[in-house]
Amino acid sequence: MAEFGQRQYGTARITPGTQTPGLTKCVVGLAIVIAVIAGLFLGHRSFYHSAKRDPLLEKHESVLEMVNRHASDEELFREYPSLDTRPIPIAFGNKTYKIPRNYLVDLDRPDVDPTKNTTFEIHVLLPDLVPRSANNADKFLKPPHFGGHGDQMNATIRGWQKELDLSARQVEWTRWCADNGAGVFSPVESGYRLCETATHELYLKDTTEGPLLFACDKIASKTLGCTIAEPTGAQWGVLTLDFSRKYLYQADEIRRRFRSLLDSFADK
């Protein structure tokens, strides 16, 4: 049996002086073929790993760090979009989300207490909260989004602070309206109430999910935006939703549907 193994894998024994040119060429040729195959294999592995690198998951500066060093607008608004649908696990607050990559455009996951200090950003198209795909990629805007959001909504889940208290925020907005605005929230459309200040329109609506509070740029143009600030649902941080004024009176539905979407990504 040992001899059988030697015949299969050992080096052939050739008596000195009996080598032929044909045999030498065969051995050299075999060595070249093996070297080429090995090179191709290693090259493929190198290319494969390079192609798999995702800039979203690599360590990069936080917005605060870039602001402190006076970074350019291009750096501050840099995004990392993708058509990939594989889930990206993100631990935040008391939850772990598994978010398809094509929803995500930014992820800042610091080394210090990442479950409380992570920030990530999701982009979808309204009204159906559709993620990026090959068929709609051209409808997503390039940063910065000056001049309006179109149908794009930007959702940012931000750590570094305790979860937003909507009841306390409603008290603050009522005081802000009294001190800097019209004094009271007046009824407008679809159950919404409005208080105008010098720079913004403040909106309030009572819902079964709690008070809805959001602000819109005070210019009568559908190209400008509105911002909802909400609890994240993970007992930590703040969720903000930025969208066009043309969806102003759908804010309640937008908030409800996005919260449902975000919850669907959480580990059960």
Protein backbone atom coordinates (compact mmCIF):
# COMPACT_ATOMS: atom_id res chain seq x y z
CA MET A 1 0.00 0.00 0.00
CA ALA A 2 2.88 2.33 0.74
CA GLU A 3 4.27 1.65 -2.69
CA PHE A 4 0.89 2.47 -4.21
CA GLY A 5 0.98 5.83 -2.48
CA GLN A 6 4.46 6.56 -3.76
CA ARG A 7 3.42 5.82 -7.30
CA GLN A 8 0.51 8.19 -7.02
CA TYR A 9 2.19 11.14 -5.31
CA GLY A 10 5.94 10.54 -5.16
CA THR A 11 8.61 11.83 -7.56
CA ALA A 12 9.57 9.37 -10.34
CA ARG A 13 13.04 7.90 -9.96
CA ILE A 14 15.20 8.46 -13.08
CA THR A 15 18.67 7.03 -13.38
CA PRO A 16 21.30 9.75 -13.93
CA GLY A 17 22.20 10.16 -17.54
CA THR A 18 18.98 8.61 -18.83
CA GLN A 19 16.84 11.84 -19.05
CA THR A 20 15.54 12.63 -22.53
CA PRO A 21 14.74 16.08 -24.04
CA GLY A 22 11.09 15.06 -24.37
CA LEU A 23 10.81 14.22 -20.71
CA THR A 24 12.52 17.46 -19.69
CA LYS A 25 10.09 19.48 -21.82
CA CYS A 26 7.17 17.62 -20.27
CA VAL A 27 8.32 18.37 -16.72
CA VAL A 28 9.00 22.04 -17.50
CA GLY A 29 5.68 22.40 -19.28
CA LEU A 30 3.82 20.87 -16.35
CA ALA A 31 5.55 23.27 -13.95
CA ILE A 32 4.51 26.24 -16.11
CA VAL A 33 0.89 25.09 -16.25
CA ILE A 34 0.79 24.67 -12.46
CA ALA A 35 2.28 28.14 -11.97
CA VAL A 36 -0.25 29.72 -14.34
CA ILE A 37 -3.18 27.99 -12.63
CA ALA A 38 -1.91 29.06 -9.21
CA GLY A 39 -1.51 32.63 -10.42
CA LEU A 40 -5.02 32.71 -11.84
CA PHE A 41 -6.46 31.29 -8.62
CA LEU A 42 -4.66 33.82 -6.41
CA GLY A 43 -5.57 36.63 -8.77
CA HIS A 44 -9.22 35.58 -8.66
CA ARG A 45 -9.19 35.49 -4.86
CA SER A 46 -7.62 38.95 -4.72
CA PHE A 47 -10.17 40.38 -7.18
CA TYR A 48 -13.07 38.67 -5.42
CA HIS A 49 -12.17 40.13 -2.02
CA SER A 50 -11.53 43.55 -3.57
CA ALA A 51 -14.89 43.50 -5.33
CA LYS A 52 -16.62 42.56 -2.07
CA ARG A 53 -15.31 45.58 -0.15
CA ASP A 54 -18.14 47.90 0.82
CA PRO A 55 -17.20 51.52 1.64
CA LEU A 56 -20.30 51.83 3.83
CA LEU A 57 -18.86 49.24 6.23
CA GLU A 58 -15.34 50.63 6.28
CA LYS A 59 -14.25 53.01 9.00
CA HIS A 60 -14.82 56.64 8.00
CA GLU A 61 -15.06 59.99 9.72
CA SER A 62 -18.20 61.06 11.52
CA VAL A 63 -19.97 64.26 10.48
CA LEU A 64 -18.78 65.90 13.71
CA GLU A 65 -15.16 65.04 12.94
CA MET A 66 -15.49 66.43 9.40
CA VAL A 67 -17.13 69.63 10.66
CA ASN A 68 -14.33 70.10 13.20
CA ARG A 69 -11.71 69.93 10.44
CA HIS A 70 -13.77 72.16 8.10
CA ALA A 71 -14.36 69.47 5.47
CA SER A 72 -15.77 70.35 2.05
CA ASP A 73 -19.49 70.01 1.19
CA GLU A 74 -18.60 67.03 -1.00
CA GLU A 75 -17.14 65.22 2.00
CA LEU A 76 -19.89 66.27 4.41
CA PHE A 77 -22.67 65.02 2.12
CA ARG A 78 -20.92 61.88 0.89
CA GLU A 79 -23.20 58.86 0.56
CA TYR A 80 -22.61 55.16 -0.08
CA PRO A 81 -25.61 53.90 -2.09
CA SER A 82 -25.86 50.34 -3.40
CA LEU A 83 -28.22 48.04 -5.29
CA ASP A 84 -27.14 45.08 -3.13
CA THR A 85 -30.02 43.59 -1.10
CA ARG A 86 -28.03 41.57 1.45
CA PRO A 87 -28.96 42.45 5.06
CA ILE A 88 -26.57 44.62 7.10
CA PRO A 89 -26.78 44.00 10.88
CA ILE A 90 -26.84 47.19 12.97
CA ALA A 91 -27.05 47.12 16.78
CA PHE A 92 -28.79 50.24 18.04
CA GLY A 93 -30.34 50.91 21.46
CA ASN A 94 -32.06 47.73 22.62
CA LYS A 95 -32.52 46.37 19.09
CA THR A 96 -30.52 44.81 16.31
CA TYR A 97 -31.70 45.71 12.82
CA LYS A 98 -30.96 43.72 9.69
CA ILE A 99 -31.43 46.29 6.96
CA PRO A 100 -31.14 45.45 3.24
CA ARG A 101 -28.09 47.23 1.87
CA ASN A 102 -30.05 49.04 -0.87
CA TYR A 103 -31.92 51.03 1.81
CA LEU A 104 -28.73 52.32 3.45
CA VAL A 105 -26.60 55.26 2.28
CA ASP A 106 -24.55 56.01 5.42
CA LEU A 107 -23.43 54.26 8.59
CA ASP A 108 -21.29 55.76 11.35
CA ARG A 109 -20.51 53.03 13.89
CA PRO A 110 -17.94 54.32 16.44
CA ASP A 111 -15.79 52.03 18.56
CA VAL A 112 -17.04 53.53 21.84
CA ASP A 113 -20.44 52.15 22.93
CA PRO A 114 -21.72 51.60 19.37
CA THR A 115 -25.26 50.59 20.40
CA LYS A 116 -25.75 54.12 21.77
CA ASN A 117 -23.51 56.17 19.48
CA THR A 118 -24.21 54.71 16.03
CA THR A 119 -25.94 56.77 13.35
CA PHE A 120 -27.32 55.38 10.08
CA GLU A 121 -29.28 56.81 7.18
CA ILE A 122 -31.96 55.23 4.97
CA HIS A 123 -33.28 56.63 1.67
CA VAL A 124 -36.59 55.59 0.10
CA LEU A 125 -39.02 56.96 -2.47
CA LEU A 126 -42.44 58.23 -1.44
CA PRO A 127 -45.26 57.47 -1.27
CA ASP A 128 -44.58 53.71 -1.05
CA LEU A 129 -41.19 53.79 0.75
CA VAL A 130 -39.49 51.98 -2.15
CA PRO A 131 -35.73 51.31 -1.82
CA ARG A 132 -33.11 51.83 -4.51
CA SER A 133 -33.15 49.38 -7.44
CA ALA A 134 -31.86 49.20 -11.00
CA ASN A 135 -35.24 50.46 -12.21
CA ASN A 136 -35.46 53.56 -10.02
CA ALA A 137 -31.87 54.50 -9.17
CA ASP A 138 -32.09 57.61 -11.37
CA LYS A 139 -34.93 58.96 -9.18
CA PHE A 140 -32.72 59.16 -6.11
CA LEU A 141 -31.04 62.53 -5.73
CA LYS A 142 -27.34 63.17 -5.53
CA PRO A 143 -26.17 65.00 -2.40
CA PRO A 144 -26.43 67.70 -1.31
CA HIS A 145 -30.21 67.83 -1.77
CA PHE A 146 -30.45 71.60 -2.11
CA GLY A 147 -33.53 72.65 -4.04
CA GLY A 148 -35.85 69.99 -2.68
CA HIS A 149 -36.24 66.27 -2.08
CA GLY A 150 -38.53 65.36 -4.99
CA ASP A 151 -40.06 62.00 -4.01
CA GLN A 152 -37.06 61.00 -1.91
CA MET A 153 -37.32 60.72 1.85
CA ASN A 154 -34.19 60.68 4.01
CA ALA A 155 -34.53 58.89 7.35
CA THR A 156 -31.74 59.30 9.91
CA ILE A 157 -31.53 57.19 13.06
CA ARG A 158 -29.13 59.05 15.33
CA GLY A 159 -27.53 58.01 18.61
CA TRP A 160 -25.58 60.13 21.11
CA GLN A 161 -28.74 61.20 22.97
CA LYS A 162 -31.65 59.82 24.97
CA GLU A 163 -34.83 58.87 23.17
CA LEU A 164 -37.01 61.84 22.27
CA ASP A 165 -39.92 62.54 24.65
CA LEU A 166 -42.84 63.67 22.46
CA SER A 167 -44.95 64.94 25.37
CA ALA A 168 -42.14 67.21 26.57
CA ARG A 169 -41.50 68.29 22.98
CA GLN A 170 -45.15 69.27 22.53
CA VAL A 171 -44.91 71.50 25.62
CA GLU A 172 -41.77 73.11 24.16
CA TRP A 173 -43.44 73.71 20.80
CA THR A 174 -46.50 75.25 22.44
CA ARG A 175 -44.23 77.62 24.36
CA TRP A 176 -42.19 78.35 21.21
CA CYS A 177 -45.37 79.15 19.28
CA ALA A 178 -46.50 81.51 22.05
CA ASP A 179 -43.13 83.29 22.30
CA ASN A 180 -42.03 83.37 18.64
CA GLY A 181 -45.05 82.65 16.47
CA ALA A 182 -48.75 83.25 16.02
CA GLY A 183 -49.43 82.37 19.66
CA VAL A 184 -51.60 79.30 19.09
CA PHE A 185 -51.86 76.33 16.73
CA SER A 186 -54.79 76.95 14.38
CA PRO A 187 -56.70 74.21 12.47
CA VAL A 188 -55.79 73.79 8.80
CA GLU A 189 -56.37 70.58 6.78
CA SER A 190 -56.96 66.91 7.65
CA GLY A 191 -56.79 67.41 11.41
CA TYR A 192 -53.46 69.25 11.30
CA ARG A 193 -52.88 72.46 13.24
CA LEU A 194 -50.40 75.16 12.24
CA CYS A 195 -48.36 77.81 14.02
CA GLU A 196 -46.26 80.12 11.86
CA THR A 197 -43.01 81.61 13.09
CA ALA A 198 -40.63 83.96 11.30
CA THR A 199 -38.67 81.10 9.73
CA HIS A 200 -40.81 77.94 9.86
CA GLU A 201 -44.28 76.49 9.84
CA LEU A 202 -44.85 74.27 12.88
CA TYR A 203 -47.43 71.51 12.51
CA LEU A 204 -49.17 69.47 15.18
CA LYS A 205 -51.63 66.59 14.90
CA ASP A 206 -53.05 64.34 17.59
CA THR A 207 -52.93 60.67 16.57
CA THR A 208 -53.47 57.27 18.17
CA GLU A 209 -49.65 56.81 18.13
CA GLY A 210 -49.16 60.04 20.08
CA PRO A 211 -48.68 63.65 18.98
CA LEU A 212 -47.20 64.25 15.53
CA LEU A 213 -44.91 67.28 15.48
CA PHE A 214 -42.99 68.52 12.46
CA ALA A 215 -41.64 71.68 10.87
CA CYS A 216 -41.54 72.86 7.25
CA ASP A 217 -39.54 75.56 5.54
CA LYS A 218 -41.61 78.73 5.45
CA ILE A 219 -41.74 79.31 1.72
CA ALA A 220 -44.81 78.42 -0.34
CA SER A 221 -42.91 76.03 -2.59
CA LYS A 222 -43.26 72.27 -2.95
CA THR A 223 -39.54 71.99 -3.65
CA LEU A 224 -38.61 72.73 -0.04
CA GLY A 225 -38.74 70.31 2.84
CA CYS A 226 -40.35 69.21 6.07
CA THR A 227 -38.75 67.39 9.01
CA ILE A 228 -40.36 65.06 11.53
CA ALA A 229 -38.42 64.27 14.72
CA GLU A 230 -39.52 61.08 16.49
CA PRO A 231 -38.48 58.46 19.04
CA THR A 232 -36.61 55.59 17.40
CA GLY A 233 -38.54 52.81 19.13
CA ALA A 234 -35.23 51.36 20.41
CA GLN A 235 -35.34 53.28 23.73
CA TRP A 236 -32.46 55.48 22.59
CA GLY A 237 -31.73 58.26 20.11
CA VAL A 238 -33.81 60.25 17.65
CA LEU A 239 -35.37 59.42 14.29
CA THR A 240 -35.73 62.24 11.74
CA LEU A 241 -37.66 62.03 8.47
CA ASP A 242 -36.95 64.66 5.79
CA PHE A 243 -39.28 64.96 2.79
CA SER A 244 -40.79 67.40 0.32
CA ARG A 245 -43.54 69.85 1.25
CA LYS A 246 -45.78 68.28 -1.37
CA TYR A 247 -46.26 65.40 1.08
CA LEU A 248 -47.03 67.74 3.98
CA TYR A 249 -50.56 66.47 4.67
CA GLN A 250 -49.42 62.85 4.36
CA ALA A 251 -46.94 63.26 7.23
CA ASP A 252 -48.99 61.13 9.61
CA GLU A 253 -49.13 58.23 7.11
CA ILE A 254 -45.42 58.63 6.25
CA ARG A 255 -44.44 58.40 9.91
CA ARG A 256 -46.66 55.38 10.56
CA ARG A 257 -45.44 53.47 7.51
CA PHE A 258 -41.77 54.20 8.12
CA ARG A 259 -41.97 53.13 11.77
CA SER A 260 -43.58 49.90 10.59
CA LEU A 261 -40.80 49.43 8.00
CA LEU A 262 -38.05 50.04 10.55
CA ASP A 263 -39.66 47.64 13.03
CA SER A 264 -39.82 44.98 10.30
CA PHE A 265 -36.00 45.08 10.10
CA ALA A 266 -35.57 44.40 13.84
CA ASP A 267 -34.56 40.93 15.03
CA LYS A 268 -37.58 39.16 16.48
